[in-house]
């Protein structure tokens, strides 16, 4: 949450409004929207759930999340993370001079954060030299590693080191992988099923 929401919206830093999600994408969330637009969070949740858009758009731009509410004995509280497109669709009906100023600041924040993210990735790529990781004189054995490189428009846009057994897939393929006994062991399936059951029970 932003530290000083009483400041005029234009005086906030882009990082007060927009953040990098766990998936590496720019996002904001329903808590921030409620805070800046001076609306009860439950009303923002209801607004998200009532957005009249396609299932594909909703799945691509809104993510249901949960957190422990320390003010309510760590009760599980739902909230939504949303992309720039999701945010714009959500606040389309928010009218008035103040709402317009907040929308403008949010668009600016998304754009500035996108430029910063792009610049940071370019700097990472400039500094990345695989040869630096090939040999370590203090290790007796050769060090192996895997690097996932993101290519956009034919150019490297980012990279990160991944575990040797890591794999990349979309949600649909993940479901099919779950059915493959050669990928997940029965014990791993039991663990995943337990986590899913706990999340469903908390909803």
C-alpha atoms as a PDB file:
ATOM      1  CA  UNK A   1       0.000   0.000   0.000  1.00  0.00           C
ATOM      2  CA  UNK A   2       1.235   3.542  -0.615  1.00  0.00           C
ATOM      3  CA  UNK A   3       2.652   5.288   2.408  1.00  0.00           C
ATOM      4  CA  UNK A   4       0.982   8.678   1.967  1.00  0.00           C
ATOM      5  CA  UNK A   5      -2.288   8.501   0.074  1.00  0.00           C
ATOM      6  CA  UNK A   6      -3.312  11.902   1.469  1.00  0.00           C
ATOM      7  CA  UNK A   7      -0.918  13.539  -0.993  1.00  0.00           C
ATOM      8  CA  UNK A   8      -2.363  14.810  -4.285  1.00  0.00           C
ATOM      9  CA  UNK A   9      -2.348  11.956  -6.775  1.00  0.00           C
ATOM     10  CA  UNK A  10       0.096  13.759  -9.073  1.00  0.00           C
ATOM     11  CA  UNK A  11       2.713  13.863  -6.309  1.00  0.00           C
ATOM     12  CA  UNK A  12       2.889  10.093  -5.897  1.00  0.00           C
ATOM     13  CA  UNK A  13       5.689   8.057  -7.403  1.00  0.00           C
ATOM     14  CA  UNK A  14       4.748   5.589 -10.176  1.00  0.00           C
ATOM     15  CA  UNK A  15       5.788   2.751  -7.843  1.00  0.00           C
ATOM     16  CA  UNK A  16       3.096   3.876  -5.372  1.00  0.00           C
ATOM     17  CA  UNK A  17       0.403   3.008  -7.903  1.00  0.00           C
ATOM     18  CA  UNK A  18       1.954   0.239  -9.993  1.00  0.00           C
ATOM     19  CA  UNK A  19       4.208  -2.691  -9.107  1.00  0.00           C
ATOM     20  CA  UNK A  20       5.834  -5.712 -10.702  1.00  0.00           C
ATOM     21  CA  UNK A  21       3.796  -8.828  -9.928  1.00  0.00           C
ATOM     22  CA  UNK A  22       5.215 -12.251  -9.096  1.00  0.00           C
ATOM     23  CA  UNK A  23       4.825 -13.173 -12.760  1.00  0.00           C
ATOM     24  CA  UNK A  24       7.065 -10.264 -13.739  1.00  0.00           C
ATOM     25  CA  UNK A  25       4.256  -8.170 -15.234  1.00  0.00           C
ATOM     26  CA  UNK A  26       3.190  -4.642 -14.293  1.00  0.00           C
ATOM     27  CA  UNK A  27       0.054  -4.564 -12.197  1.00  0.00           C
ATOM     28  CA  UNK A  28      -1.972  -2.721  -9.612  1.00  0.00           C
ATOM     29  CA  UNK A  29      -4.502  -4.237  -7.223  1.00  0.00           C
ATOM     30  CA  UNK A  30      -7.965  -3.696  -5.831  1.00  0.00           C
ATOM     31  CA  UNK A  31      -6.583  -2.394  -2.516  1.00  0.00           C
ATOM     32  CA  UNK A  32      -4.781   0.447  -4.291  1.00  0.00           C
ATOM     33  CA  UNK A  33      -7.752   1.210  -6.515  1.00  0.00           C
ATOM     34  CA  UNK A  34     -10.003   1.403  -3.457  1.00  0.00           C
ATOM     35  CA  UNK A  35      -7.508   3.622  -1.637  1.00  0.00           C
ATOM     36  CA  UNK A  36      -6.925   6.124  -4.420  1.00  0.00           C
ATOM     37  CA  UNK A  37     -10.514   6.308  -5.619  1.00  0.00           C
ATOM     38  CA  UNK A  38     -11.782   6.545  -1.998  1.00  0.00           C
ATOM     39  CA  UNK A  39     -14.065   3.530  -2.340  1.00  0.00           C
ATOM     40  CA  UNK A  40     -14.702   0.645   0.081  1.00  0.00           C
ATOM     41  CA  UNK A  41     -12.622  -2.348  -0.948  1.00  0.00           C
ATOM     42  CA  UNK A  42     -15.703  -4.592  -0.990  1.00  0.00           C
ATOM     43  CA  UNK A  43     -17.258  -2.290  -3.597  1.00  0.00           C
ATOM     44  CA  UNK A  44     -14.174  -2.541  -5.809  1.00  0.00           C
ATOM     45  CA  UNK A  45     -14.257  -6.340  -5.476  1.00  0.00           C
ATOM     46  CA  UNK A  46     -17.896  -6.339  -6.536  1.00  0.00           C
ATOM     47  CA  UNK A  47     -17.072  -4.065  -9.472  1.00  0.00           C
ATOM     48  CA  UNK A  48     -14.325  -6.436 -10.671  1.00  0.00           C
ATOM     49  CA  UNK A  49     -16.645  -9.436 -10.402  1.00  0.00           C
ATOM     50  CA  UNK A  50     -19.269  -7.611 -12.439  1.00  0.00           C
ATOM     51  CA  UNK A  51     -17.057  -6.456 -15.313  1.00  0.00           C
ATOM     52  CA  UNK A  52     -18.909  -7.180 -18.521  1.00  0.00           C
ATOM     53  CA  UNK A  53     -16.059  -8.531 -20.626  1.00  0.00           C
ATOM     54  CA  UNK A  54     -15.113 -11.848 -22.174  1.00  0.00           C
ATOM     55  CA  UNK A  55     -13.751 -14.753 -20.143  1.00  0.00           C
ATOM     56  CA  UNK A  56     -10.482 -14.529 -22.062  1.00  0.00           C
ATOM     57  CA  UNK A  57     -10.055 -10.838 -21.221  1.00  0.00           C
ATOM     58  CA  UNK A  58     -10.902 -11.437 -17.562  1.00  0.00           C
ATOM     59  CA  UNK A  59      -8.440 -14.318 -17.196  1.00  0.00           C
ATOM     60  CA  UNK A  60      -5.717 -12.351 -18.954  1.00  0.00           C
ATOM     61  CA  UNK A  61      -6.136  -9.116 -17.005  1.00  0.00           C
ATOM     62  CA  UNK A  62      -7.558  -9.968 -13.566  1.00  0.00           C
ATOM     63  CA  UNK A  63      -6.005 -12.390 -11.069  1.00  0.00           C
ATOM     64  CA  UNK A  64      -7.792 -13.411  -7.879  1.00  0.00           C
ATOM     65  CA  UNK A  65      -5.377 -13.410  -4.925  1.00  0.00           C
ATOM     66  CA  UNK A  66      -5.619 -13.876  -1.170  1.00  0.00           C
ATOM     67  CA  UNK A  67      -3.782 -12.473   1.837  1.00  0.00           C
ATOM     68  CA  UNK A  68      -3.991 -12.735   5.608  1.00  0.00           C
ATOM     69  CA  UNK A  69      -5.752  -9.738   7.160  1.00  0.00           C
ATOM     70  CA  UNK A  70      -3.841  -8.984  10.365  1.00  0.00           C
ATOM     71  CA  UNK A  71      -6.644  -6.675  11.530  1.00  0.00           C
ATOM     72  CA  UNK A  72      -9.116  -9.571  11.434  1.00  0.00           C
ATOM     73  CA  UNK A  73      -7.135 -12.329  13.169  1.00  0.00           C
ATOM     74  CA  UNK A  74      -5.334 -13.276   9.941  1.00  0.00           C
ATOM     75  CA  UNK A  75      -8.603 -14.048   8.177  1.00  0.00           C
ATOM     76  CA  UNK A  76      -8.057 -14.842   4.502  1.00  0.00           C
ATOM     77  CA  UNK A  77      -9.029 -11.784   2.453  1.00  0.00           C
ATOM     78  CA  UNK A  78      -9.550 -11.911  -1.323  1.00  0.00           C
ATOM     79  CA  UNK A  79      -8.305  -9.185  -3.629  1.00  0.00           C
ATOM     80  CA  UNK A  80      -7.530  -8.783  -7.313  1.00  0.00           C
ATOM     81  CA  UNK A  81      -4.373  -7.912  -9.173  1.00  0.00           C
ATOM     82  CA  UNK A  82      -4.945  -6.349 -12.560  1.00  0.00           C
ATOM     83  CA  UNK A  83      -3.007  -5.284 -15.639  1.00  0.00           C
ATOM     84  CA  UNK A  84      -3.147  -1.843 -17.215  1.00  0.00           C
ATOM     85  CA  UNK A  85      -5.912  -3.024 -19.555  1.00  0.00           C
ATOM     86  CA  UNK A  86      -7.823  -4.544 -16.649  1.00  0.00           C
ATOM     87  CA  UNK A  87      -7.488  -1.347 -14.652  1.00  0.00           C
ATOM     88  CA  UNK A  88      -8.750   0.800 -17.531  1.00  0.00           C
ATOM     89  CA  UNK A  89     -11.723  -1.494 -18.088  1.00  0.00           C
ATOM     90  CA  UNK A  90     -12.554  -1.459 -14.373  1.00  0.00           C
ATOM     91  CA  UNK A  91     -12.423   2.320 -13.858  1.00  0.00           C
ATOM     92  CA  UNK A  92     -14.095   3.210 -17.149  1.00  0.00           C
ATOM     93  CA  UNK A  93     -17.269   4.093 -15.275  1.00  0.00           C
ATOM     94  CA  UNK A  94     -15.566   6.105 -12.537  1.00  0.00           C
ATOM     95  CA  UNK A  95     -16.479   9.707 -13.391  1.00  0.00           C
ATOM     96  CA  UNK A  96     -15.710  13.161 -12.094  1.00  0.00           C
ATOM     97  CA  UNK A  97     -12.721  15.498 -12.113  1.00  0.00           C
ATOM     98  CA  UNK A  98     -10.914  13.667  -9.308  1.00  0.00           C
ATOM     99  CA  UNK A  99     -11.423  10.269 -10.938  1.00  0.00           C
ATOM    100  CA  UNK A 100     -10.109  11.638 -14.234  1.00  0.00           C
ATOM    101  CA  UNK A 101      -6.938  12.899 -12.520  1.00  0.00           C
ATOM    102  CA  UNK A 102      -6.390   9.501 -10.874  1.00  0.00           C
ATOM    103  CA  UNK A 103      -6.872   7.681 -14.179  1.00  0.00           C
ATOM    104  CA  UNK A 104      -4.343   9.989 -15.837  1.00  0.00           C
ATOM    105  CA  UNK A 105      -1.813   9.423 -13.066  1.00  0.00           C
ATOM    106  CA  UNK A 106      -2.303   5.667 -13.297  1.00  0.00           C
ATOM    107  CA  UNK A 107      -1.746   5.642 -17.062  1.00  0.00           C
ATOM    108  CA  UNK A 108       1.418   7.704 -16.584  1.00  0.00           C
ATOM    109  CA  UNK A 109       2.578   5.363 -13.814  1.00  0.00           C
ATOM    110  CA  UNK A 110       2.033   2.248 -15.956  1.00  0.00           C
ATOM    111  CA  UNK A 111       3.916   3.826 -18.875  1.00  0.00           C
ATOM    112  CA  UNK A 112       6.826   5.054 -16.753  1.00  0.00           C
ATOM    113  CA  UNK A 113       7.150   1.749 -14.932  1.00  0.00           C
ATOM    114  CA  UNK A 114       7.105  -0.081 -18.270  1.00  0.00           C
ATOM    115  CA  UNK A 115       9.986   2.084 -19.494  1.00  0.00           C
ATOM    116  CA  UNK A 116      11.903   1.490 -16.263  1.00  0.00           C
ATOM    117  CA  UNK A 117      11.333  -2.259 -16.478  1.00  0.00           C
ATOM    118  CA  UNK A 118      12.525  -2.283 -20.077  1.00  0.00           C
ATOM    119  CA  UNK A 119      15.608  -0.228 -19.176  1.00  0.00           C
ATOM    120  CA  UNK A 120      16.446  -2.503 -16.245  1.00  0.00           C
ATOM    121  CA  UNK A 121      16.204  -5.598 -18.440  1.00  0.00           C
ATOM    122  CA  UNK A 122      18.422  -4.013 -21.082  1.00  0.00           C
ATOM    123  CA  UNK A 123      21.040  -3.251 -18.429  1.00  0.00           C
ATOM    124  CA  UNK A 124      20.844  -6.847 -17.200  1.00  0.00           C
ATOM    125  CA  UNK A 125      21.409  -8.128 -20.727  1.00  0.00           C
ATOM    126  CA  UNK A 126      24.326  -5.758 -21.236  1.00  0.00           C
ATOM    127  CA  UNK A 127      25.958  -7.070 -18.076  1.00  0.00           C
ATOM    128  CA  UNK A 128      25.177 -10.719 -18.752  1.00  0.00           C
ATOM    129  CA  UNK A 129      28.203 -12.719 -19.808  1.00  0.00           C
ATOM    130  CA  UNK A 130      27.746 -16.522 -19.786  1.00  0.00           C
ATOM    131  CA  UNK A 131      31.496 -16.990 -19.746  1.00  0.00           C
ATOM    132  CA  UNK A 132      31.590 -15.553 -16.232  1.00  0.00           C
ATOM    133  CA  UNK A 133      29.593 -18.550 -15.002  1.00  0.00           C
ATOM    134  CA  UNK A 134      31.454 -21.331 -16.769  1.00  0.00           C
ATOM    135  CA  UNK A 135      34.321 -21.899 -14.392  1.00  0.00           C
ATOM    136  CA  UNK A 136      34.744 -21.207 -10.692  1.00  0.00           C
ATOM    137  CA  UNK A 137      38.264 -21.746  -9.384  1.00  0.00           C
ATOM    138  CA  UNK A 138      37.003 -22.495  -5.880  1.00  0.00           C
ATOM    139  CA  UNK A 139      34.851 -25.415  -7.078  1.00  0.00           C
ATOM    140  CA  UNK A 140      36.219 -28.781  -8.101  1.00  0.00           C
ATOM    141  CA  UNK A 141      33.419 -29.629 -10.475  1.00  0.00           C
ATOM    142  CA  UNK A 142      32.155 -27.731 -13.473  1.00  0.00           C
ATOM    143  CA  UNK A 143      29.067 -25.619 -12.687  1.00  0.00           C
ATOM    144  CA  UNK A 144      26.006 -26.179 -14.896  1.00  0.00           C
ATOM    145  CA  UNK A 145      23.118 -23.768 -15.153  1.00  0.00           C
ATOM    146  CA  UNK A 146      20.055 -22.979 -17.271  1.00  0.00           C
ATOM    147  CA  UNK A 147      19.034 -19.536 -18.468  1.00  0.00           C
ATOM    148  CA  UNK A 148      15.552 -18.585 -19.685  1.00  0.00           C
ATOM    149  CA  UNK A 149      15.822 -15.786 -22.250  1.00  0.00           C
ATOM    150  CA  UNK A 150      12.765 -13.741 -23.224  1.00  0.00           C
ATOM    151  CA  UNK A 151      12.774 -12.743 -26.905  1.00  0.00           C
ATOM    152  CA  UNK A 152      10.468  -9.954 -28.096  1.00  0.00           C
ATOM    153  CA  UNK A 153      10.359  -8.751 -31.697  1.00  0.00           C
ATOM    154  CA  UNK A 154      13.479 -10.760 -32.424  1.00  0.00           C
ATOM    155  CA  UNK A 155      15.527  -9.128 -29.675  1.00  0.00           C
ATOM    156  CA  UNK A 156      16.451 -10.386 -26.170  1.00  0.00           C
ATOM    157  CA  UNK A 157      14.166  -8.624 -23.682  1.00  0.00           C
ATOM    158  CA  UNK A 158      15.212 -10.282 -20.432  1.00  0.00           C
ATOM    159  CA  UNK A 159      16.634 -13.369 -18.797  1.00  0.00           C
ATOM    160  CA  UNK A 160      16.705 -15.237 -15.524  1.00  0.00           C
ATOM    161  CA  UNK A 161      18.355 -18.344 -14.156  1.00  0.00           C
ATOM    162  CA  UNK A 162      16.024 -21.319 -13.687  1.00  0.00           C
ATOM    163  CA  UNK A 163      16.267 -24.624 -11.873  1.00  0.00           C
ATOM    164  CA  UNK A 164      17.439 -27.671 -13.794  1.00  0.00           C
ATOM    165  CA  UNK A 165      14.000 -29.315 -13.538  1.00  0.00           C
ATOM    166  CA  UNK A 166      12.027 -26.150 -14.297  1.00  0.00           C
ATOM    167  CA  UNK A 167       9.627 -25.990 -17.248  1.00  0.00           C
ATOM    168  CA  UNK A 168       7.591 -23.176 -18.783  1.00  0.00           C
ATOM    169  CA  UNK A 169       3.969 -23.586 -19.849  1.00  0.00           C
ATOM    170  CA  UNK A 170       0.613 -21.861 -19.884  1.00  0.00           C
ATOM    171  CA  UNK A 171      -2.233 -22.805 -17.531  1.00  0.00           C
ATOM    172  CA  UNK A 172      -3.878 -25.142 -20.025  1.00  0.00           C
ATOM    173  CA  UNK A 173      -0.705 -27.136 -20.608  1.00  0.00           C
ATOM    174  CA  UNK A 174      -0.018 -27.225 -16.876  1.00  0.00           C
ATOM    175  CA  UNK A 175      -3.296 -29.099 -16.365  1.00  0.00           C
ATOM    176  CA  UNK A 176      -2.264 -31.649 -18.982  1.00  0.00           C
ATOM    177  CA  UNK A 177       1.155 -31.999 -17.343  1.00  0.00           C
ATOM    178  CA  UNK A 178      -0.570 -32.761 -14.040  1.00  0.00           C
ATOM    179  CA  UNK A 179      -2.083 -35.843 -15.676  1.00  0.00           C
ATOM    180  CA  UNK A 180       1.289 -37.112 -16.927  1.00  0.00           C
ATOM    181  CA  UNK A 181       2.743 -39.670 -14.499  1.00  0.00           C
ATOM    182  CA  UNK A 182       6.159 -39.188 -16.078  1.00  0.00           C
ATOM    183  CA  UNK A 183       6.260 -35.543 -14.938  1.00  0.00           C
ATOM    184  CA  UNK A 184       4.612 -35.458 -11.505  1.00  0.00           C
ATOM    185  CA  UNK A 185       4.873 -38.227  -8.941  1.00  0.00           C
ATOM    186  CA  UNK A 186       1.820 -39.320  -6.954  1.00  0.00           C
ATOM    187  CA  UNK A 187       3.246 -37.635  -3.857  1.00  0.00           C
ATOM    188  CA  UNK A 188       3.654 -34.343  -5.729  1.00  0.00           C
ATOM    189  CA  UNK A 189       0.044 -34.584  -6.928  1.00  0.00           C
ATOM    190  CA  UNK A 190      -1.102 -35.184  -3.338  1.00  0.00           C
ATOM    191  CA  UNK A 191       0.828 -32.096  -2.199  1.00  0.00           C
ATOM    192  CA  UNK A 192      -0.715 -29.921  -4.920  1.00  0.00           C
ATOM    193  CA  UNK A 193      -4.180 -31.303  -4.177  1.00  0.00           C
ATOM    194  CA  UNK A 194      -3.758 -30.438  -0.485  1.00  0.00           C
ATOM    195  CA  UNK A 195      -2.817 -26.847  -1.334  1.00  0.00           C
ATOM    196  CA  UNK A 196      -5.812 -26.518  -3.654  1.00  0.00           C
ATOM    197  CA  UNK A 197      -8.171 -27.899  -1.001  1.00  0.00           C
ATOM    198  CA  UNK A 198      -6.899 -25.383   1.573  1.00  0.00           C
ATOM    199  CA  UNK A 199      -7.353 -22.480  -0.844  1.00  0.00           C
ATOM    200  CA  UNK A 200     -10.876 -23.561  -1.785  1.00  0.00           C
ATOM    201  CA  UNK A 201     -11.786 -23.932   1.897  1.00  0.00           C
ATOM    202  CA  UNK A 202     -10.599 -20.382   2.568  1.00  0.00           C
ATOM    203  CA  UNK A 203     -12.693 -18.820  -0.225  1.00  0.00           C
END
